[in-house]
């Protein structure tokens, strides 16, 4: 289970590289290690900020993903990395 991430939106705007380093680089390090040891399943805690400002709620999975801050962008990047793993 992967629940680790920096998650303060305001801080991510002030210091985006901190969020990219932690949430993207750290997540990719975890993912690569999981692949290397043969882990078959990973639970990833995502966030609704992937969707930016949605046109309606509740937010459905097929809502376009348009994050509006570095925190959301970092989480979307990692989610996309997970989508490419089989």
PDB file of N, CA and C in Angstrom:
ATOM      1  N   UNK A   1       0.843  -1.173   0.000  1.00  0.00           N
ATOM      2  CA  UNK A   1       0.000   0.000   0.000  1.00  0.00           C
ATOM      3  C   UNK A   1       0.887   1.235   0.000  1.00  0.00           C
ATOM      4  N   UNK A   2       0.561   2.157  -0.882  1.00  0.00           N
ATOM      5  CA  UNK A   2       1.347   3.388  -1.001  1.00  0.00           C
ATOM      6  C   UNK A   2       0.450   4.583  -0.636  1.00  0.00           C
ATOM      7  N   UNK A   3       0.650   5.088   0.570  1.00  0.00           N
ATOM      8  CA  UNK A   3      -0.103   6.246   1.041  1.00  0.00           C
ATOM      9  C   UNK A   3       0.815   7.445   1.281  1.00  0.00           C
ATOM     10  N   UNK A   4       2.098   7.289   0.975  1.00  0.00           N
ATOM     11  CA  UNK A   4       3.067   8.337   1.280  1.00  0.00           C
ATOM     12  C   UNK A   4       3.114   9.387   0.180  1.00  0.00           C
ATOM     13  N   UNK A   5       2.948  10.641   0.552  1.00  0.00           N
ATOM     14  CA  UNK A   5       3.080  11.752  -0.393  1.00  0.00           C
ATOM     15  C   UNK A   5       3.021  13.055   0.388  1.00  0.00           C
ATOM     16  N   UNK A   6       3.684  14.037  -0.135  1.00  0.00           N
ATOM     17  CA  UNK A   6       3.475  15.391   0.382  1.00  0.00           C
ATOM     18  C   UNK A   6       2.137  15.830  -0.197  1.00  0.00           C
ATOM     19  N   UNK A   7       1.323  16.534   0.599  1.00  0.00           N
ATOM     20  CA  UNK A   7      -0.044  16.776   0.132  1.00  0.00           C
ATOM     21  C   UNK A   7      -0.617  18.157   0.443  1.00  0.00           C
ATOM     22  N   UNK A   8       0.234  19.140   0.681  1.00  0.00           N
ATOM     23  CA  UNK A   8      -0.276  20.479   0.947  1.00  0.00           C
ATOM     24  C   UNK A   8      -0.257  21.287  -0.343  1.00  0.00           C
ATOM     25  N   UNK A   9      -1.421  21.641  -0.818  1.00  0.00           N
ATOM     26  CA  UNK A   9      -1.531  22.309  -2.112  1.00  0.00           C
ATOM     27  C   UNK A   9      -0.770  23.629  -2.127  1.00  0.00           C
ATOM     28  N   UNK A  10      -0.956  24.464  -1.116  1.00  0.00           N
ATOM     29  CA  UNK A  10      -0.257  25.751  -1.070  1.00  0.00           C
ATOM     30  C   UNK A  10       1.247  25.583  -1.077  1.00  0.00           C
ATOM     31  N   UNK A  11       1.740  24.630  -0.295  1.00  0.00           N
ATOM     32  CA  UNK A  11       3.173  24.367  -0.258  1.00  0.00           C
ATOM     33  C   UNK A  11       3.664  23.869  -1.615  1.00  0.00           C
ATOM     34  N   UNK A  12       2.843  23.099  -2.312  1.00  0.00           N
ATOM     35  CA  UNK A  12       3.257  22.587  -3.621  1.00  0.00           C
ATOM     36  C   UNK A  12       3.404  23.712  -4.637  1.00  0.00           C
ATOM     37  N   UNK A  13       2.601  24.754  -4.487  1.00  0.00           N
ATOM     38  CA  UNK A  13       2.703  25.914  -5.384  1.00  0.00           C
ATOM     39  C   UNK A  13       3.974  26.703  -5.056  1.00  0.00           C
ATOM     40  N   UNK A  14       4.287  26.829  -3.770  1.00  0.00           N
ATOM     41  CA  UNK A  14       5.478  27.561  -3.343  1.00  0.00           C
ATOM     42  C   UNK A  14       6.769  26.803  -3.637  1.00  0.00           C
ATOM     43  N   UNK A  15       6.722  25.482  -3.594  1.00  0.00           N
ATOM     44  CA  UNK A  15       7.930  24.681  -3.745  1.00  0.00           C
ATOM     45  C   UNK A  15       7.625  23.426  -4.583  1.00  0.00           C
ATOM     46  N   UNK A  16       7.330  23.604  -5.864  1.00  0.00           N
ATOM     47  CA  UNK A  16       6.923  22.461  -6.687  1.00  0.00           C
ATOM     48  C   UNK A  16       7.979  21.374  -6.803  1.00  0.00           C
ATOM     49  N   UNK A  17       9.253  21.747  -6.830  1.00  0.00           N
ATOM     50  CA  UNK A  17      10.288  20.727  -6.973  1.00  0.00           C
ATOM     51  C   UNK A  17      10.296  19.767  -5.793  1.00  0.00           C
ATOM     52  N   UNK A  18       9.943  20.244  -4.603  1.00  0.00           N
ATOM     53  CA  UNK A  18       9.852  19.388  -3.417  1.00  0.00           C
ATOM     54  C   UNK A  18       8.795  18.299  -3.640  1.00  0.00           C
ATOM     55  N   UNK A  19       7.694  18.680  -4.265  1.00  0.00           N
ATOM     56  CA  UNK A  19       6.598  17.741  -4.511  1.00  0.00           C
ATOM     57  C   UNK A  19       6.920  16.782  -5.643  1.00  0.00           C
ATOM     58  N   UNK A  20       7.563  17.275  -6.672  1.00  0.00           N
ATOM     59  CA  UNK A  20       7.951  16.396  -7.769  1.00  0.00           C
ATOM     60  C   UNK A  20       9.002  15.401  -7.290  1.00  0.00           C
ATOM     61  N   UNK A  21       9.950  15.869  -6.495  1.00  0.00           N
ATOM     62  CA  UNK A  21      11.004  14.987  -5.979  1.00  0.00           C
ATOM     63  C   UNK A  21      10.395  13.897  -5.099  1.00  0.00           C
ATOM     64  N   UNK A  22       9.564  14.290  -4.167  1.00  0.00           N
ATOM     65  CA  UNK A  22       8.994  13.324  -3.231  1.00  0.00           C
ATOM     66  C   UNK A  22       7.928  12.444  -3.882  1.00  0.00           C
ATOM     67  N   UNK A  23       6.938  13.045  -4.487  1.00  0.00           N
ATOM     68  CA  UNK A  23       5.784  12.294  -4.969  1.00  0.00           C
ATOM     69  C   UNK A  23       6.044  11.544  -6.268  1.00  0.00           C
ATOM     70  N   UNK A  24       6.887  12.105  -7.132  1.00  0.00           N
ATOM     71  CA  UNK A  24       7.176  11.435  -8.400  1.00  0.00           C
ATOM     72  C   UNK A  24       8.424  10.563  -8.263  1.00  0.00           C
ATOM     73  N   UNK A  25       9.552  11.159  -7.921  1.00  0.00           N
ATOM     74  CA  UNK A  25      10.788  10.376  -7.831  1.00  0.00           C
ATOM     75  C   UNK A  25      10.684   9.289  -6.757  1.00  0.00           C
ATOM     76  N   UNK A  26      10.145   9.642  -5.606  1.00  0.00           N
ATOM     77  CA  UNK A  26       9.983   8.652  -4.542  1.00  0.00           C
ATOM     78  C   UNK A  26       9.021   7.546  -4.945  1.00  0.00           C
ATOM     79  N   UNK A  27       7.941   7.922  -5.581  1.00  0.00           N
ATOM     80  CA  UNK A  27       6.970   6.928  -6.048  1.00  0.00           C
ATOM     81  C   UNK A  27       7.562   6.006  -7.094  1.00  0.00           C
ATOM     82  N   UNK A  28       8.336   6.569  -8.017  1.00  0.00           N
ATOM     83  CA  UNK A  28       8.968   5.742  -9.048  1.00  0.00           C
ATOM     84  C   UNK A  28      10.010   4.801  -8.450  1.00  0.00           C
ATOM     85  N   UNK A  29      10.724   5.261  -7.433  1.00  0.00           N
ATOM     86  CA  UNK A  29      11.680   4.383  -6.752  1.00  0.00           C
ATOM     87  C   UNK A  29      10.941   3.208  -6.106  1.00  0.00           C
ATOM     88  N   UNK A  30       9.816   3.493  -5.466  1.00  0.00           N
ATOM     89  CA  UNK A  30       9.001   2.440  -4.878  1.00  0.00           C
ATOM     90  C   UNK A  30       8.496   1.487  -5.957  1.00  0.00           C
ATOM     91  N   UNK A  31       7.975   2.028  -7.035  1.00  0.00           N
ATOM     92  CA  UNK A  31       7.437   1.210  -8.120  1.00  0.00           C
ATOM     93  C   UNK A  31       8.526   0.323  -8.728  1.00  0.00           C
ATOM     94  N   UNK A  32       9.688   0.890  -9.004  1.00  0.00           N
ATOM     95  CA  UNK A  32      10.780   0.099  -9.585  1.00  0.00           C
ATOM     96  C   UNK A  32      11.221  -1.023  -8.651  1.00  0.00           C
ATOM     97  N   UNK A  33      11.284  -0.732  -7.365  1.00  0.00           N
ATOM     98  CA  UNK A  33      11.647  -1.769  -6.395  1.00  0.00           C
ATOM     99  C   UNK A  33      10.586  -2.854  -6.352  1.00  0.00           C
ATOM    100  N   UNK A  34       9.330  -2.464  -6.373  1.00  0.00           N
ATOM    101  CA  UNK A  34       8.234  -3.435  -6.366  1.00  0.00           C
ATOM    102  C   UNK A  34       8.325  -4.359  -7.578  1.00  0.00           C
ATOM    103  N   UNK A  35       8.616  -3.783  -8.737  1.00  0.00           N
ATOM    104  CA  UNK A  35       8.755  -4.583  -9.955  1.00  0.00           C
ATOM    105  C   UNK A  35       9.943  -5.533  -9.832  1.00  0.00           C
ATOM    106  N   UNK A  36      11.061  -5.023  -9.327  1.00  0.00           N
ATOM    107  CA  UNK A  36      12.278  -5.837  -9.190  1.00  0.00           C
ATOM    108  C   UNK A  36      12.083  -7.049  -8.280  1.00  0.00           C
ATOM    109  N   UNK A  37      11.286  -6.895  -7.230  1.00  0.00           N
ATOM    110  CA  UNK A  37      11.082  -8.007  -6.301  1.00  0.00           C
ATOM    111  C   UNK A  37       9.877  -8.867  -6.673  1.00  0.00           C
ATOM    112  N   UNK A  38       9.214  -8.515  -7.768  1.00  0.00           N
ATOM    113  CA  UNK A  38       8.110  -9.327  -8.262  1.00  0.00           C
ATOM    114  C   UNK A  38       6.768  -9.067  -7.613  1.00  0.00           C
ATOM    115  N   UNK A  39       6.609  -7.923  -6.981  1.00  0.00           N
ATOM    116  CA  UNK A  39       5.321  -7.581  -6.380  1.00  0.00           C
ATOM    117  C   UNK A  39       4.266  -7.501  -7.474  1.00  0.00           C
ATOM    118  N   UNK A  40       3.136  -8.138  -7.275  1.00  0.00           N
ATOM    119  CA  UNK A  40       2.101  -8.198  -8.308  1.00  0.00           C
ATOM    120  C   UNK A  40       0.976  -7.173  -8.102  1.00  0.00           C
ATOM    121  N   UNK A  41       0.823  -6.654  -6.902  1.00  0.00           N
ATOM    122  CA  UNK A  41      -0.276  -5.709  -6.638  1.00  0.00           C
ATOM    123  C   UNK A  41       0.218  -4.580  -5.748  1.00  0.00           C
ATOM    124  N   UNK A  42      -0.298  -3.384  -6.040  1.00  0.00           N
ATOM    125  CA  UNK A  42       0.041  -2.205  -5.248  1.00  0.00           C
ATOM    126  C   UNK A  42      -1.215  -1.368  -5.090  1.00  0.00           C
ATOM    127  N   UNK A  43      -1.529  -0.996  -3.885  1.00  0.00           N
ATOM    128  CA  UNK A  43      -2.663  -0.103  -3.630  1.00  0.00           C
ATOM    129  C   UNK A  43      -2.104   1.299  -3.534  1.00  0.00           C
ATOM    130  N   UNK A  44      -2.608   2.183  -4.391  1.00  0.00           N
ATOM    131  CA  UNK A  44      -2.133   3.567  -4.458  1.00  0.00           C
ATOM    132  C   UNK A  44      -3.248   4.501  -3.999  1.00  0.00           C
ATOM    133  N   UNK A  45      -2.950   5.341  -3.035  1.00  0.00           N
ATOM    134  CA  UNK A  45      -3.916   6.326  -2.556  1.00  0.00           C
ATOM    135  C   UNK A  45      -3.844   7.549  -3.460  1.00  0.00           C
ATOM    136  N   UNK A  46      -4.868   7.732  -4.256  1.00  0.00           N
ATOM    137  CA  UNK A  46      -4.903   8.854  -5.179  1.00  0.00           C
ATOM    138  C   UNK A  46      -5.584  10.052  -4.517  1.00  0.00           C
ATOM    139  N   UNK A  47      -6.078  10.975  -5.325  1.00  0.00           N
ATOM    140  CA  UNK A  47      -6.688  12.195  -4.804  1.00  0.00           C
ATOM    141  C   UNK A  47      -7.620  12.803  -5.842  1.00  0.00           C
ATOM    142  N   UNK A  48      -8.635  13.503  -5.380  1.00  0.00           N
ATOM    143  CA  UNK A  48      -9.563  14.143  -6.312  1.00  0.00           C
ATOM    144  C   UNK A  48      -8.949  15.371  -6.989  1.00  0.00           C
ATOM    145  N   UNK A  49      -7.811  15.868  -6.499  1.00  0.00           N
ATOM    146  CA  UNK A  49      -7.208  17.039  -7.150  1.00  0.00           C
ATOM    147  C   UNK A  49      -6.674  16.715  -8.535  1.00  0.00           C
ATOM    148  N   UNK A  50      -6.656  15.429  -8.899  1.00  0.00           N
ATOM    149  CA  UNK A  50      -6.289  15.054 -10.268  1.00  0.00           C
ATOM    150  C   UNK A  50      -7.223  15.709 -11.276  1.00  0.00           C
ATOM    151  N   UNK A  51      -8.449  15.971 -10.848  1.00  0.00           N
ATOM    152  CA  UNK A  51      -9.490  16.462 -11.749  1.00  0.00           C
ATOM    153  C   UNK A  51      -9.587  17.977 -11.797  1.00  0.00           C
ATOM    154  N   UNK A  52      -8.738  18.665 -11.052  1.00  0.00           N
ATOM    155  CA  UNK A  52      -8.776  20.127 -11.076  1.00  0.00           C
ATOM    156  C   UNK A  52     -10.088  20.649 -10.538  1.00  0.00           C
ATOM    157  N   UNK A  53     -10.745  21.474 -11.325  1.00  0.00           N
ATOM    158  CA  UNK A  53     -12.053  22.016 -10.948  1.00  0.00           C
ATOM    159  C   UNK A  53     -13.090  21.337 -11.843  1.00  0.00           C
ATOM    160  N   UNK A  54     -13.688  20.251 -11.373  1.00  0.00           N
ATOM    161  CA  UNK A  54     -14.609  19.505 -12.219  1.00  0.00           C
ATOM    162  C   UNK A  54     -15.894  20.278 -12.496  1.00  0.00           C
ATOM    163  N   UNK A  55     -16.493  20.005 -13.640  1.00  0.00           N
ATOM    164  CA  UNK A  55     -17.725  20.686 -14.035  1.00  0.00           C
ATOM    165  C   UNK A  55     -18.904  20.258 -13.174  1.00  0.00           C
ATOM    166  N   UNK A  56     -18.848  19.038 -12.615  1.00  0.00           N
ATOM    167  CA  UNK A  56     -19.961  18.572 -11.776  1.00  0.00           C
ATOM    168  C   UNK A  56     -19.448  17.596 -10.732  1.00  0.00           C
ATOM    169  N   UNK A  57     -20.239  17.428  -9.714  1.00  0.00           N
ATOM    170  CA  UNK A  57     -19.963  16.435  -8.691  1.00  0.00           C
ATOM    171  C   UNK A  57     -21.186  15.545  -8.557  1.00  0.00           C
ATOM    172  N   UNK A  58     -21.041  14.332  -8.147  1.00  0.00           N
ATOM    173  CA  UNK A  58     -19.783  13.715  -7.763  1.00  0.00           C
ATOM    174  C   UNK A  58     -18.844  13.547  -8.960  1.00  0.00           C
ATOM    175  N   UNK A  59     -17.575  13.460  -8.659  1.00  0.00           N
ATOM    176  CA  UNK A  59     -16.563  13.292  -9.699  1.00  0.00           C
ATOM    177  C   UNK A  59     -16.535  11.814 -10.085  1.00  0.00           C
ATOM    178  N   UNK A  60     -16.686  11.549 -11.364  1.00  0.00           N
ATOM    179  CA  UNK A  60     -16.657  10.177 -11.873  1.00  0.00           C
ATOM    180  C   UNK A  60     -15.260   9.869 -12.407  1.00  0.00           C
ATOM    181  N   UNK A  61     -14.903   8.589 -12.460  1.00  0.00           N
ATOM    182  CA  UNK A  61     -13.570   8.178 -12.919  1.00  0.00           C
ATOM    183  C   UNK A  61     -13.266   8.647 -14.333  1.00  0.00           C
ATOM    184  N   UNK A  62     -14.285   8.826 -15.173  1.00  0.00           N
ATOM    185  CA  UNK A  62     -14.042   9.245 -16.555  1.00  0.00           C
ATOM    186  C   UNK A  62     -14.005  10.774 -16.725  1.00  0.00           C
ATOM    187  N   UNK A  63     -14.085  11.510 -15.624  1.00  0.00           N
ATOM    188  CA  UNK A  63     -13.939  12.968 -15.677  1.00  0.00           C
ATOM    189  C   UNK A  63     -12.520  13.294 -16.149  1.00  0.00           C
ATOM    190  N   UNK A  64     -12.358  14.249 -17.062  1.00  0.00           N
ATOM    191  CA  UNK A  64     -11.004  14.593 -17.522  1.00  0.00           C
ATOM    192  C   UNK A  64     -10.099  14.993 -16.354  1.00  0.00           C
ATOM    193  N   UNK A  65      -8.884  14.507 -16.412  1.00  0.00           N
ATOM    194  CA  UNK A  65      -7.896  14.807 -15.363  1.00  0.00           C
ATOM    195  C   UNK A  65      -7.137  16.058 -15.773  1.00  0.00           C
ATOM    196  N   UNK A  66      -7.333  17.134 -15.002  1.00  0.00           N
ATOM    197  CA  UNK A  66      -6.713  18.423 -15.303  1.00  0.00           C
ATOM    198  C   UNK A  66      -6.268  19.098 -14.011  1.00  0.00           C
ATOM    199  N   UNK A  67      -5.210  18.572 -13.376  1.00  0.00           N
ATOM    200  CA  UNK A  67      -4.778  19.168 -12.112  1.00  0.00           C
ATOM    201  C   UNK A  67      -4.360  20.628 -12.302  1.00  0.00           C
ATOM    202  N   UNK A  68      -4.597  21.429 -11.273  1.00  0.00           N
ATOM    203  CA  UNK A  68      -4.302  22.864 -11.358  1.00  0.00           C
ATOM    204  C   UNK A  68      -3.197  23.296 -10.400  1.00  0.00           C
ATOM    205  N   UNK A  69      -2.499  22.316  -9.803  1.00  0.00           N
ATOM    206  CA  UNK A  69      -1.396  22.646  -8.901  1.00  0.00           C
ATOM    207  C   UNK A  69      -0.352  21.538  -8.962  1.00  0.00           C
ATOM    208  N   UNK A  70       0.864  21.825  -8.493  1.00  0.00           N
ATOM    209  CA  UNK A  70       1.931  20.820  -8.548  1.00  0.00           C
ATOM    210  C   UNK A  70       1.621  19.535  -7.777  1.00  0.00           C
ATOM    211  N   UNK A  71       0.895  19.635  -6.681  1.00  0.00           N
ATOM    212  CA  UNK A  71       0.523  18.426  -5.946  1.00  0.00           C
ATOM    213  C   UNK A  71      -0.300  17.504  -6.842  1.00  0.00           C
ATOM    214  N   UNK A  72      -1.330  18.033  -7.460  1.00  0.00           N
ATOM    215  CA  UNK A  72      -2.171  17.233  -8.348  1.00  0.00           C
ATOM    216  C   UNK A  72      -1.397  16.691  -9.534  1.00  0.00           C
ATOM    217  N   UNK A  73      -0.515  17.513 -10.089  1.00  0.00           N
ATOM    218  CA  UNK A  73       0.308  17.080 -11.220  1.00  0.00           C
ATOM    219  C   UNK A  73       1.212  15.922 -10.812  1.00  0.00           C
ATOM    220  N   UNK A  74       1.797  16.000  -9.619  1.00  0.00           N
ATOM    221  CA  UNK A  74       2.691  14.929  -9.165  1.00  0.00           C
ATOM    222  C   UNK A  74       1.926  13.628  -8.953  1.00  0.00           C
ATOM    223  N   UNK A  75       0.729  13.716  -8.406  1.00  0.00           N
ATOM    224  CA  UNK A  75      -0.070  12.513  -8.187  1.00  0.00           C
ATOM    225  C   UNK A  75      -0.525  11.916  -9.520  1.00  0.00           C
ATOM    226  N   UNK A  76      -0.878  12.770 -10.482  1.00  0.00           N
ATOM    227  CA  UNK A  76      -1.294  12.289 -11.802  1.00  0.00           C
ATOM    228  C   UNK A  76      -0.129  11.620 -12.522  1.00  0.00           C
ATOM    229  N   UNK A  77       1.058  12.191 -12.406  1.00  0.00           N
ATOM    230  CA  UNK A  77       2.222  11.594 -13.047  1.00  0.00           C
ATOM    231  C   UNK A  77       2.428  10.166 -12.551  1.00  0.00           C
ATOM    232  N   UNK A  78       2.370   9.984 -11.235  1.00  0.00           N
ATOM    233  CA  UNK A  78       2.582   8.653 -10.685  1.00  0.00           C
ATOM    234  C   UNK A  78       1.440   7.708 -11.064  1.00  0.00           C
ATOM    235  N   UNK A  79       0.228   8.207 -11.051  1.00  0.00           N
ATOM    236  CA  UNK A  79      -0.917   7.381 -11.463  1.00  0.00           C
ATOM    237  C   UNK A  79      -0.740   6.909 -12.904  1.00  0.00           C
ATOM    238  N   UNK A  80      -0.257   7.800 -13.764  1.00  0.00           N
ATOM    239  CA  UNK A  80       0.004   7.418 -15.151  1.00  0.00           C
ATOM    240  C   UNK A  80       1.116   6.388 -15.236  1.00  0.00           C
ATOM    241  N   UNK A  81       2.139   6.520 -14.399  1.00  0.00           N
ATOM    242  CA  UNK A  81       3.223   5.533 -14.378  1.00  0.00           C
ATOM    243  C   UNK A  81       2.671   4.164 -13.984  1.00  0.00           C
ATOM    244  N   UNK A  82       1.758   4.135 -13.039  1.00  0.00           N
ATOM    245  CA  UNK A  82       1.156   2.867 -12.632  1.00  0.00           C
ATOM    246  C   UNK A  82       0.338   2.251 -13.766  1.00  0.00           C
ATOM    247  N   UNK A  83      -0.309   3.095 -14.554  1.00  0.00           N
ATOM    248  CA  UNK A  83      -1.143   2.603 -15.652  1.00  0.00           C
ATOM    249  C   UNK A  83      -0.327   1.849 -16.693  1.00  0.00           C
ATOM    250  N   UNK A  84       0.966   2.149 -16.791  1.00  0.00           N
ATOM    251  CA  UNK A  84       1.812   1.501 -17.771  1.00  0.00           C
ATOM    252  C   UNK A  84       2.425   0.189 -17.304  1.00  0.00           C
ATOM    253  N   UNK A  85       2.149  -0.199 -16.067  1.00  0.00           N
ATOM    254  CA  UNK A  85       2.752  -1.415 -15.506  1.00  0.00           C
ATOM    255  C   UNK A  85       1.774  -2.574 -15.663  1.00  0.00           C
ATOM    256  N   UNK A  86       2.280  -3.679 -16.133  1.00  0.00           N
ATOM    257  CA  UNK A  86       1.445  -4.883 -16.260  1.00  0.00           C
ATOM    258  C   UNK A  86       2.079  -6.029 -15.526  1.00  0.00           C
TER     259      UNK A  86
END
